[in-house]
Amino acid sequence: MLKQFRARLASFRQAETAVAALEFAIIMPILVLFMLAGAEAARFIYMSRSITNLAYSLATRVAERTTAYNFNDAVFDYYSTVVTTPFLLGDSASRGTQWNFDVALTMSSIIFTPTKAGCTSNCAYTAKVAWSVNSPIAGQRSCTVPPTAQADTVTTTLTTLPQDIYAAGSIIVADVVYAYTPIFGSKLIPAVTIRRSYFMQPRYQFPVPYTSSGFDAAYVCS
């Protein structure tokens, strides 16, 4: 009986039937997980770069103005985002909302003045918002509270500016905020906020003025 047991044990050790299928069953879920993670990472990088390009496009169009900016110009720039960033249409449809509630846009003009009156060299500067226009779900830069200077490595918000841009003159700032929702694992992974700001010196006007039509007076800081 002992010999029969040893023989069966040896036969079991040498058997390779269905080994490949078993290995495939173990490895396949891991391979699928890596494949989905790679696809999600590529999608995130694409949308992140698209939001950066959108902020650049908005800032450039305002900075290149040769006439005063106004509400109609802001509306045109706002609606042009579906051309420069077409994924917003499909993304908003998948969320069951309108595209203009899928991304937050704020365009502002910032003026820098010496903190100490009469300073001519090595001056410290204070930032003041001249005007700020926002889309429906976006906020404005405050007219009453000056932006806070912070390190360049810190993500800019509507209340801050990179410290290295504090200098004589003015800049145009385009702030874009987008909530990225993963396709795979959205039930487990929360939305990631992509926040991009782009800063552009005016090309032809210093600063770029804003002409109010009355109903949009709240955009202009006194």
C-alpha atoms as a PDB file:
ATOM      1  CA  MET A   1       0.000   0.000   0.000  1.00  0.00           C
ATOM      2  CA  LEU A   2       2.889   2.315   0.813  1.00  0.00           C
ATOM      3  CA  LYS A   3       4.341   1.722  -2.633  1.00  0.00           C
ATOM      4  CA  GLN A   4       1.014   2.603  -4.247  1.00  0.00           C
ATOM      5  CA  PHE A   5       0.807   5.848  -2.226  1.00  0.00           C
ATOM      6  CA  ARG A   6       4.351   6.829  -3.218  1.00  0.00           C
ATOM      7  CA  ALA A   7       3.598   6.080  -6.848  1.00  0.00           C
ATOM      8  CA  ARG A   8       0.475   8.231  -6.789  1.00  0.00           C
ATOM      9  CA  LEU A   9       2.380  11.049  -5.038  1.00  0.00           C
ATOM     10  CA  ALA A  10       5.111  10.944  -7.668  1.00  0.00           C
ATOM     11  CA  SER A  11       2.482  10.977 -10.402  1.00  0.00           C
ATOM     12  CA  PHE A  12       0.815  13.987  -8.810  1.00  0.00           C
ATOM     13  CA  ARG A  13       4.127  15.883  -8.692  1.00  0.00           C
ATOM     14  CA  GLN A  14       4.813  15.238 -12.359  1.00  0.00           C
ATOM     15  CA  ALA A  15       1.295  16.078 -13.589  1.00  0.00           C
ATOM     16  CA  GLU A  16       1.092  19.355 -15.588  1.00  0.00           C
ATOM     17  CA  THR A  17      -2.505  19.154 -16.765  1.00  0.00           C
ATOM     18  CA  ALA A  18      -4.271  22.564 -16.575  1.00  0.00           C
ATOM     19  CA  VAL A  19      -1.181  24.280 -15.071  1.00  0.00           C
ATOM     20  CA  ALA A  20      -1.195  26.941 -17.806  1.00  0.00           C
ATOM     21  CA  ALA A  21      -4.891  27.607 -17.265  1.00  0.00           C
ATOM     22  CA  LEU A  22      -4.335  27.989 -13.536  1.00  0.00           C
ATOM     23  CA  GLU A  23      -1.425  30.385 -14.057  1.00  0.00           C
ATOM     24  CA  PHE A  24      -3.503  32.393 -16.530  1.00  0.00           C
ATOM     25  CA  ALA A  25      -6.380  32.594 -14.040  1.00  0.00           C
ATOM     26  CA  ILE A  26      -3.992  33.992 -11.404  1.00  0.00           C
ATOM     27  CA  ILE A  27      -2.111  36.448 -13.620  1.00  0.00           C
ATOM     28  CA  MET A  28      -4.962  37.708 -15.812  1.00  0.00           C
ATOM     29  CA  PRO A  29      -6.697  39.883 -13.163  1.00  0.00           C
ATOM     30  CA  ILE A  30      -3.373  41.540 -12.366  1.00  0.00           C
ATOM     31  CA  LEU A  31      -2.695  42.216 -16.059  1.00  0.00           C
ATOM     32  CA  VAL A  32      -6.196  43.675 -16.520  1.00  0.00           C
ATOM     33  CA  LEU A  33      -5.697  45.886 -13.458  1.00  0.00           C
ATOM     34  CA  PHE A  34      -2.408  47.234 -14.836  1.00  0.00           C
ATOM     35  CA  MET A  35      -3.991  47.792 -18.256  1.00  0.00           C
ATOM     36  CA  LEU A  36      -6.906  49.775 -16.782  1.00  0.00           C
ATOM     37  CA  ALA A  37      -4.565  51.774 -14.535  1.00  0.00           C
ATOM     38  CA  GLY A  38      -2.402  52.655 -17.533  1.00  0.00           C
ATOM     39  CA  ALA A  39      -5.428  53.761 -19.554  1.00  0.00           C
ATOM     40  CA  GLU A  40      -6.678  55.875 -16.631  1.00  0.00           C
ATOM     41  CA  ALA A  41      -3.258  57.458 -16.139  1.00  0.00           C
ATOM     42  CA  ALA A  42      -3.048  58.343 -19.844  1.00  0.00           C
ATOM     43  CA  ARG A  43      -6.536  59.885 -19.713  1.00  0.00           C
ATOM     44  CA  PHE A  44      -5.623  61.949 -16.643  1.00  0.00           C
ATOM     45  CA  ILE A  45      -2.430  63.231 -18.275  1.00  0.00           C
ATOM     46  CA  TYR A  46      -4.327  64.157 -21.446  1.00  0.00           C
ATOM     47  CA  MET A  47      -7.018  66.084 -19.567  1.00  0.00           C
ATOM     48  CA  SER A  48      -4.467  67.753 -17.301  1.00  0.00           C
ATOM     49  CA  ARG A  49      -2.511  69.017 -20.302  1.00  0.00           C
ATOM     50  CA  SER A  50      -5.742  70.098 -21.997  1.00  0.00           C
ATOM     51  CA  ILE A  51      -6.683  72.206 -18.952  1.00  0.00           C
ATOM     52  CA  THR A  52      -3.191  73.764 -18.956  1.00  0.00           C
ATOM     53  CA  ASN A  53      -3.528  74.601 -22.659  1.00  0.00           C
ATOM     54  CA  LEU A  54      -6.974  76.079 -22.019  1.00  0.00           C
ATOM     55  CA  ALA A  55      -5.595  78.400 -19.331  1.00  0.00           C
ATOM     56  CA  TYR A  56      -2.788  79.441 -21.701  1.00  0.00           C
ATOM     57  CA  SER A  57      -5.249  80.105 -24.539  1.00  0.00           C
ATOM     58  CA  LEU A  58      -7.520  82.271 -22.377  1.00  0.00           C
ATOM     59  CA  ALA A  59      -4.654  84.315 -20.947  1.00  0.00           C
ATOM     60  CA  THR A  60      -3.125  84.835 -24.394  1.00  0.00           C
ATOM     61  CA  ARG A  61      -6.341  86.067 -25.995  1.00  0.00           C
ATOM     62  CA  VAL A  62      -6.899  88.657 -23.275  1.00  0.00           C
ATOM     63  CA  ALA A  63      -3.251  89.746 -23.143  1.00  0.00           C
ATOM     64  CA  GLU A  64      -3.193  90.381 -26.895  1.00  0.00           C
ATOM     65  CA  ARG A  65      -6.145  92.774 -26.794  1.00  0.00           C
ATOM     66  CA  THR A  66      -5.622  96.107 -28.519  1.00  0.00           C
ATOM     67  CA  THR A  67      -8.926  97.484 -27.219  1.00  0.00           C
ATOM     68  CA  ALA A  68     -10.721  97.320 -23.888  1.00  0.00           C
ATOM     69  CA  TYR A  69     -12.059  93.964 -22.762  1.00  0.00           C
ATOM     70  CA  ASN A  70     -15.819  93.693 -22.176  1.00  0.00           C
ATOM     71  CA  PHE A  71     -18.584  91.255 -21.314  1.00  0.00           C
ATOM     72  CA  ASN A  72     -19.148  90.162 -24.927  1.00  0.00           C
ATOM     73  CA  ASP A  73     -15.456  89.356 -25.267  1.00  0.00           C
ATOM     74  CA  ALA A  74     -15.628  87.295 -22.082  1.00  0.00           C
ATOM     75  CA  VAL A  75     -18.642  85.364 -23.381  1.00  0.00           C
ATOM     76  CA  PHE A  76     -16.860  84.677 -26.679  1.00  0.00           C
ATOM     77  CA  ASP A  77     -13.734  83.444 -24.896  1.00  0.00           C
ATOM     78  CA  TYR A  78     -15.851  81.343 -22.576  1.00  0.00           C
ATOM     79  CA  TYR A  79     -17.766  79.602 -25.348  1.00  0.00           C
ATOM     80  CA  SER A  80     -14.607  79.075 -27.381  1.00  0.00           C
ATOM     81  CA  THR A  81     -13.471  76.569 -24.753  1.00  0.00           C
ATOM     82  CA  VAL A  82     -15.553  73.858 -26.456  1.00  0.00           C
ATOM     83  CA  VAL A  83     -13.343  74.370 -29.513  1.00  0.00           C
ATOM     84  CA  THR A  84      -9.990  74.495 -27.726  1.00  0.00           C
ATOM     85  CA  THR A  85     -10.978  71.757 -25.254  1.00  0.00           C
ATOM     86  CA  PRO A  86     -13.518  69.553 -27.089  1.00  0.00           C
ATOM     87  CA  PHE A  87     -13.462  66.733 -24.537  1.00  0.00           C
ATOM     88  CA  LEU A  88     -15.666  68.911 -22.303  1.00  0.00           C
ATOM     89  CA  LEU A  89     -18.710  68.155 -24.472  1.00  0.00           C
ATOM     90  CA  GLY A  90     -18.449  64.397 -24.127  1.00  0.00           C
ATOM     91  CA  ASP A  91     -17.373  64.595 -20.498  1.00  0.00           C
ATOM     92  CA  SER A  92     -20.297  66.793 -19.471  1.00  0.00           C
ATOM     93  CA  ALA A  93     -22.711  64.514 -21.367  1.00  0.00           C
ATOM     94  CA  SER A  94     -21.423  61.487 -19.448  1.00  0.00           C
ATOM     95  CA  ARG A  95     -22.053  63.373 -16.207  1.00  0.00           C
ATOM     96  CA  GLY A  96     -25.548  64.376 -17.277  1.00  0.00           C
ATOM     97  CA  THR A  97     -24.854  68.097 -17.131  1.00  0.00           C
ATOM     98  CA  GLN A  98     -24.158  71.011 -19.472  1.00  0.00           C
ATOM     99  CA  TRP A  99     -20.591  71.654 -20.548  1.00  0.00           C
ATOM    100  CA  ASN A 100     -20.551  75.121 -18.940  1.00  0.00           C
ATOM    101  CA  PHE A 101     -21.039  73.443 -15.564  1.00  0.00           C
ATOM    102  CA  ASP A 102     -18.135  71.086 -16.200  1.00  0.00           C
ATOM    103  CA  VAL A 103     -15.266  73.566 -15.907  1.00  0.00           C
ATOM    104  CA  ALA A 104     -14.707  76.784 -13.944  1.00  0.00           C
ATOM    105  CA  LEU A 105     -13.034  79.750 -15.684  1.00  0.00           C
ATOM    106  CA  THR A 106     -11.862  83.040 -14.191  1.00  0.00           C
ATOM    107  CA  MET A 107     -10.011  85.768 -16.102  1.00  0.00           C
ATOM    108  CA  SER A 108      -8.506  88.683 -14.212  1.00  0.00           C
ATOM    109  CA  SER A 109      -6.260  91.697 -14.599  1.00  0.00           C
ATOM    110  CA  ILE A 110      -3.777  92.278 -11.777  1.00  0.00           C
ATOM    111  CA  ILE A 111      -1.906  95.557 -11.231  1.00  0.00           C
ATOM    112  CA  PHE A 112       1.280  95.767  -9.148  1.00  0.00           C
ATOM    113  CA  THR A 113       2.201  98.964  -7.308  1.00  0.00           C
ATOM    114  CA  PRO A 114       5.151  99.642  -4.969  1.00  0.00           C
ATOM    115  CA  THR A 115       4.223  98.899  -1.389  1.00  0.00           C
ATOM    116  CA  LYS A 116       6.204 101.947  -0.338  1.00  0.00           C
ATOM    117  CA  ALA A 117       5.164 105.097  -2.188  1.00  0.00           C
ATOM    118  CA  GLY A 118       7.947 106.685  -4.210  1.00  0.00           C
ATOM    119  CA  CYS A 119      10.063 103.547  -4.361  1.00  0.00           C
ATOM    120  CA  THR A 120      12.128 103.346  -7.573  1.00  0.00           C
ATOM    121  CA  SER A 121      14.462 100.365  -7.097  1.00  0.00           C
ATOM    122  CA  ASN A 122      14.460  97.054  -5.250  1.00  0.00           C
ATOM    123  CA  CYS A 123      10.833  97.662  -4.412  1.00  0.00           C
ATOM    124  CA  ALA A 124       8.340  95.376  -2.758  1.00  0.00           C
ATOM    125  CA  TYR A 125       5.047  95.290  -4.622  1.00  0.00           C
ATOM    126  CA  THR A 126       1.401  94.912  -3.696  1.00  0.00           C
ATOM    127  CA  ALA A 127      -1.017  93.182  -6.050  1.00  0.00           C
ATOM    128  CA  LYS A 128      -4.486  94.586  -6.695  1.00  0.00           C
ATOM    129  CA  VAL A 129      -7.241  93.090  -8.832  1.00  0.00           C
ATOM    130  CA  ALA A 130      -8.378  95.578 -11.503  1.00  0.00           C
ATOM    131  CA  TRP A 131     -11.183  93.363 -12.835  1.00  0.00           C
ATOM    132  CA  SER A 132     -12.198  89.722 -12.678  1.00  0.00           C
ATOM    133  CA  VAL A 133     -14.670  87.861 -14.909  1.00  0.00           C
ATOM    134  CA  ASN A 134     -15.930  84.384 -14.056  1.00  0.00           C
ATOM    135  CA  SER A 135     -18.022  81.589 -15.578  1.00  0.00           C
ATOM    136  CA  PRO A 136     -21.227  80.319 -13.860  1.00  0.00           C
ATOM    137  CA  ILE A 137     -19.589  77.844 -11.467  1.00  0.00           C
ATOM    138  CA  ALA A 138     -16.349  79.781 -10.918  1.00  0.00           C
ATOM    139  CA  GLY A 139     -15.467  82.388  -8.325  1.00  0.00           C
ATOM    140  CA  GLN A 140     -13.961  85.833  -8.842  1.00  0.00           C
ATOM    141  CA  ARG A 141     -10.673  87.167  -7.579  1.00  0.00           C
ATOM    142  CA  SER A 142     -11.441  89.503  -4.692  1.00  0.00           C
ATOM    143  CA  CYS A 143     -11.531  93.253  -5.276  1.00  0.00           C
ATOM    144  CA  THR A 144     -11.084  94.015  -1.589  1.00  0.00           C
ATOM    145  CA  VAL A 145      -8.550  91.444  -0.373  1.00  0.00           C
ATOM    146  CA  PRO A 146      -5.179  91.607  -2.175  1.00  0.00           C
ATOM    147  CA  PRO A 147      -3.820  88.279  -3.461  1.00  0.00           C
ATOM    148  CA  THR A 148      -1.294  86.616  -1.198  1.00  0.00           C
ATOM    149  CA  ALA A 149       2.195  85.943  -2.521  1.00  0.00           C
ATOM    150  CA  GLN A 150       3.297  82.329  -2.210  1.00  0.00           C
ATOM    151  CA  ALA A 151       6.071  80.029  -3.392  1.00  0.00           C
ATOM    152  CA  ASP A 152       6.078  79.256  -7.103  1.00  0.00           C
ATOM    153  CA  THR A 153       5.888  75.531  -6.382  1.00  0.00           C
ATOM    154  CA  VAL A 154       2.499  75.874  -4.642  1.00  0.00           C
ATOM    155  CA  THR A 155      -0.670  75.573  -6.746  1.00  0.00           C
ATOM    156  CA  THR A 156      -2.242  78.982  -7.376  1.00  0.00           C
ATOM    157  CA  THR A 157      -5.788  79.668  -6.194  1.00  0.00           C
ATOM    158  CA  LEU A 158      -8.130  82.658  -6.584  1.00  0.00           C
ATOM    159  CA  THR A 159      -6.593  84.207  -3.454  1.00  0.00           C
ATOM    160  CA  THR A 160      -2.911  83.708  -4.248  1.00  0.00           C
ATOM    161  CA  LEU A 161      -0.219  84.540  -6.803  1.00  0.00           C
ATOM    162  CA  PRO A 162       3.334  83.204  -7.319  1.00  0.00           C
ATOM    163  CA  GLN A 163       5.808  85.494  -5.584  1.00  0.00           C
ATOM    164  CA  ASP A 164       8.131  85.677  -8.610  1.00  0.00           C
ATOM    165  CA  ILE A 165       5.596  87.590 -10.722  1.00  0.00           C
ATOM    166  CA  TYR A 166       5.480  90.526  -8.297  1.00  0.00           C
ATOM    167  CA  ALA A 167       7.064  93.345 -10.308  1.00  0.00           C
ATOM    168  CA  ALA A 168       6.147  96.719 -11.774  1.00  0.00           C
ATOM    169  CA  GLY A 169       3.307  96.633 -14.287  1.00  0.00           C
ATOM    170  CA  SER A 170       0.344  94.318 -14.717  1.00  0.00           C
ATOM    171  CA  ILE A 171      -0.504  90.773 -15.738  1.00  0.00           C
ATOM    172  CA  ILE A 172      -3.473  88.830 -17.049  1.00  0.00           C
ATOM    173  CA  VAL A 173      -4.352  85.702 -15.069  1.00  0.00           C
ATOM    174  CA  ALA A 174      -6.488  82.836 -16.348  1.00  0.00           C
ATOM    175  CA  ASP A 175      -7.600  80.392 -13.644  1.00  0.00           C
ATOM    176  CA  VAL A 176      -9.148  77.087 -14.718  1.00  0.00           C
ATOM    177  CA  VAL A 177     -10.536  74.417 -12.381  1.00  0.00           C
ATOM    178  CA  TYR A 178     -11.781  71.008 -13.501  1.00  0.00           C
ATOM    179  CA  ALA A 179     -12.934  68.038 -11.405  1.00  0.00           C
ATOM    180  CA  TYR A 180     -11.470  64.887 -12.935  1.00  0.00           C
ATOM    181  CA  THR A 181     -13.554  61.767 -12.342  1.00  0.00           C
ATOM    182  CA  PRO A 182     -11.925  58.380 -13.121  1.00  0.00           C
ATOM    183  CA  ILE A 183     -13.776  56.094 -15.522  1.00  0.00           C
ATOM    184  CA  PHE A 184     -12.543  52.936 -13.811  1.00  0.00           C
ATOM    185  CA  GLY A 185     -13.102  52.642 -10.096  1.00  0.00           C
ATOM    186  CA  SER A 186     -15.065  55.868  -9.809  1.00  0.00           C
ATOM    187  CA  LYS A 187     -17.035  54.288  -6.954  1.00  0.00           C
ATOM    188  CA  LEU A 188     -13.825  53.865  -4.973  1.00  0.00           C
ATOM    189  CA  ILE A 189     -11.619  56.722  -6.188  1.00  0.00           C
ATOM    190  CA  PRO A 190     -12.838  60.287  -5.474  1.00  0.00           C
ATOM    191  CA  ALA A 191     -12.708  63.080  -8.058  1.00  0.00           C
ATOM    192  CA  VAL A 192      -9.356  64.828  -8.437  1.00  0.00           C
ATOM    193  CA  THR A 193      -9.336  68.612  -8.810  1.00  0.00           C
ATOM    194  CA  ILE A 194      -7.114  69.836 -11.644  1.00  0.00           C
ATOM    195  CA  ARG A 195      -6.305  73.492 -11.006  1.00  0.00           C
ATOM    196  CA  ARG A 196      -4.256  75.455 -13.540  1.00  0.00           C
ATOM    197  CA  SER A 197      -3.385  79.148 -13.709  1.00  0.00           C
ATOM    198  CA  TYR A 198      -1.548  80.946 -16.499  1.00  0.00           C
ATOM    199  CA  PHE A 199       0.039  84.374 -16.280  1.00  0.00           C
ATOM    200  CA  MET A 200       0.620  86.611 -19.280  1.00  0.00           C
ATOM    201  CA  GLN A 201       1.898  90.175 -19.525  1.00  0.00           C
ATOM    202  CA  PRO A 202      -0.239  92.424 -21.741  1.00  0.00           C
ATOM    203  CA  ARG A 203       1.217  92.874 -25.217  1.00  0.00           C
ATOM    204  CA  TYR A 204      -0.234  96.238 -26.260  1.00  0.00           C
ATOM    205  CA  GLN A 205      -2.014  97.798 -23.263  1.00  0.00           C
ATOM    206  CA  PHE A 206      -0.713  98.211 -19.724  1.00  0.00           C
ATOM    207  CA  PRO A 207      -2.997  97.264 -18.098  1.00  0.00           C
ATOM    208  CA  VAL A 208      -5.759  95.801 -20.275  1.00  0.00           C
ATOM    209  CA  PRO A 209      -8.876  97.855 -19.363  1.00  0.00           C
ATOM    210  CA  TYR A 210     -12.386  96.500 -18.925  1.00  0.00           C
ATOM    211  CA  THR A 211     -15.411  98.408 -20.228  1.00  0.00           C
ATOM    212  CA  SER A 212     -18.545  97.752 -18.181  1.00  0.00           C
ATOM    213  CA  SER A 213     -22.049  97.903 -19.637  1.00  0.00           C
ATOM    214  CA  GLY A 214     -23.625  98.454 -16.229  1.00  0.00           C
ATOM    215  CA  PHE A 215     -25.090  95.019 -15.556  1.00  0.00           C
ATOM    216  CA  ASP A 216     -21.564  93.601 -15.279  1.00  0.00           C
ATOM    217  CA  ALA A 217     -20.243  96.311 -12.947  1.00  0.00           C
ATOM    218  CA  ALA A 218     -19.467  93.699 -10.307  1.00  0.00           C
ATOM    219  CA  TYR A 219     -16.601  92.459 -12.475  1.00  0.00           C
ATOM    220  CA  VAL A 220     -14.762  95.789 -12.186  1.00  0.00           C
ATOM    221  CA  CYS A 221     -12.942  96.727  -8.995  1.00  0.00           C
ATOM    222  CA  SER A 222     -13.252 100.373  -7.964  1.00  0.00           C
END
